[in-house]
C-alpha cells in the first residue's frame, strides 16, 4: 500500500506540487506508524 501511494504521488506532479512540506511530513509520519 505504501509503495502504491508513493507511486501515485510520484506520478501525480500536480498533487506533489500542491502539497506543502508540512503535509509531506504528516503523511510520512502517518505511513511510518
C-alpha atoms as a PDB file:
ATOM      1  CA  UNK A   1       0.000   0.000   0.000  1.00  0.00           C
ATOM      2  CA  UNK A   2       2.841   2.379   0.830  1.00  0.00           C
ATOM      3  CA  UNK A   3       4.586   1.665  -2.456  1.00  0.00           C
ATOM      4  CA  UNK A   4       1.328   2.202  -4.321  1.00  0.00           C
ATOM      5  CA  UNK A   5       0.801   5.543  -2.591  1.00  0.00           C
ATOM      6  CA  UNK A   6       4.376   6.554  -3.316  1.00  0.00           C
ATOM      7  CA  UNK A   7       3.953   5.629  -6.976  1.00  0.00           C
ATOM      8  CA  UNK A   8       0.767   7.658  -7.221  1.00  0.00           C
ATOM      9  CA  UNK A   9       2.448  10.673  -5.634  1.00  0.00           C
ATOM     10  CA  UNK A  10       5.473  10.329  -7.905  1.00  0.00           C
ATOM     11  CA  UNK A  11       3.236  10.070 -10.960  1.00  0.00           C
ATOM     12  CA  UNK A  12       0.999  12.974  -9.950  1.00  0.00           C
ATOM     13  CA  UNK A  13       3.259  16.018 -10.128  1.00  0.00           C
ATOM     14  CA  UNK A  14       0.329  18.383  -9.665  1.00  0.00           C
ATOM     15  CA  UNK A  15      -0.540  16.666  -6.397  1.00  0.00           C
ATOM     16  CA  UNK A  16       3.083  16.743  -5.269  1.00  0.00           C
ATOM     17  CA  UNK A  17       3.359  20.440  -6.070  1.00  0.00           C
ATOM     18  CA  UNK A  18       0.143  21.135  -4.164  1.00  0.00           C
ATOM     19  CA  UNK A  19       1.484  19.510  -1.008  1.00  0.00           C
ATOM     20  CA  UNK A  20       3.440  21.634   1.422  1.00  0.00           C
ATOM     21  CA  UNK A  21       6.451  20.257   3.320  1.00  0.00           C
ATOM     22  CA  UNK A  22       4.237  20.036   6.410  1.00  0.00           C
ATOM     23  CA  UNK A  23       1.730  17.896   4.519  1.00  0.00           C
ATOM     24  CA  UNK A  24       4.526  15.606   3.395  1.00  0.00           C
ATOM     25  CA  UNK A  25       5.856  15.336   6.936  1.00  0.00           C
ATOM     26  CA  UNK A  26       2.403  14.484   8.255  1.00  0.00           C
ATOM     27  CA  UNK A  27       1.897  11.878   5.529  1.00  0.00           C
ATOM     28  CA  UNK A  28       5.277  10.253   6.153  1.00  0.00           C
ATOM     29  CA  UNK A  29       4.647  10.190   9.896  1.00  0.00           C
ATOM     30  CA  UNK A  30       1.260   8.540   9.338  1.00  0.00           C
ATOM     31  CA  UNK A  31       2.745   5.955   6.958  1.00  0.00           C
ATOM     32  CA  UNK A  32       5.569   5.104   9.355  1.00  0.00           C
ATOM     33  CA  UNK A  33       3.182   4.136  12.159  1.00  0.00           C
END
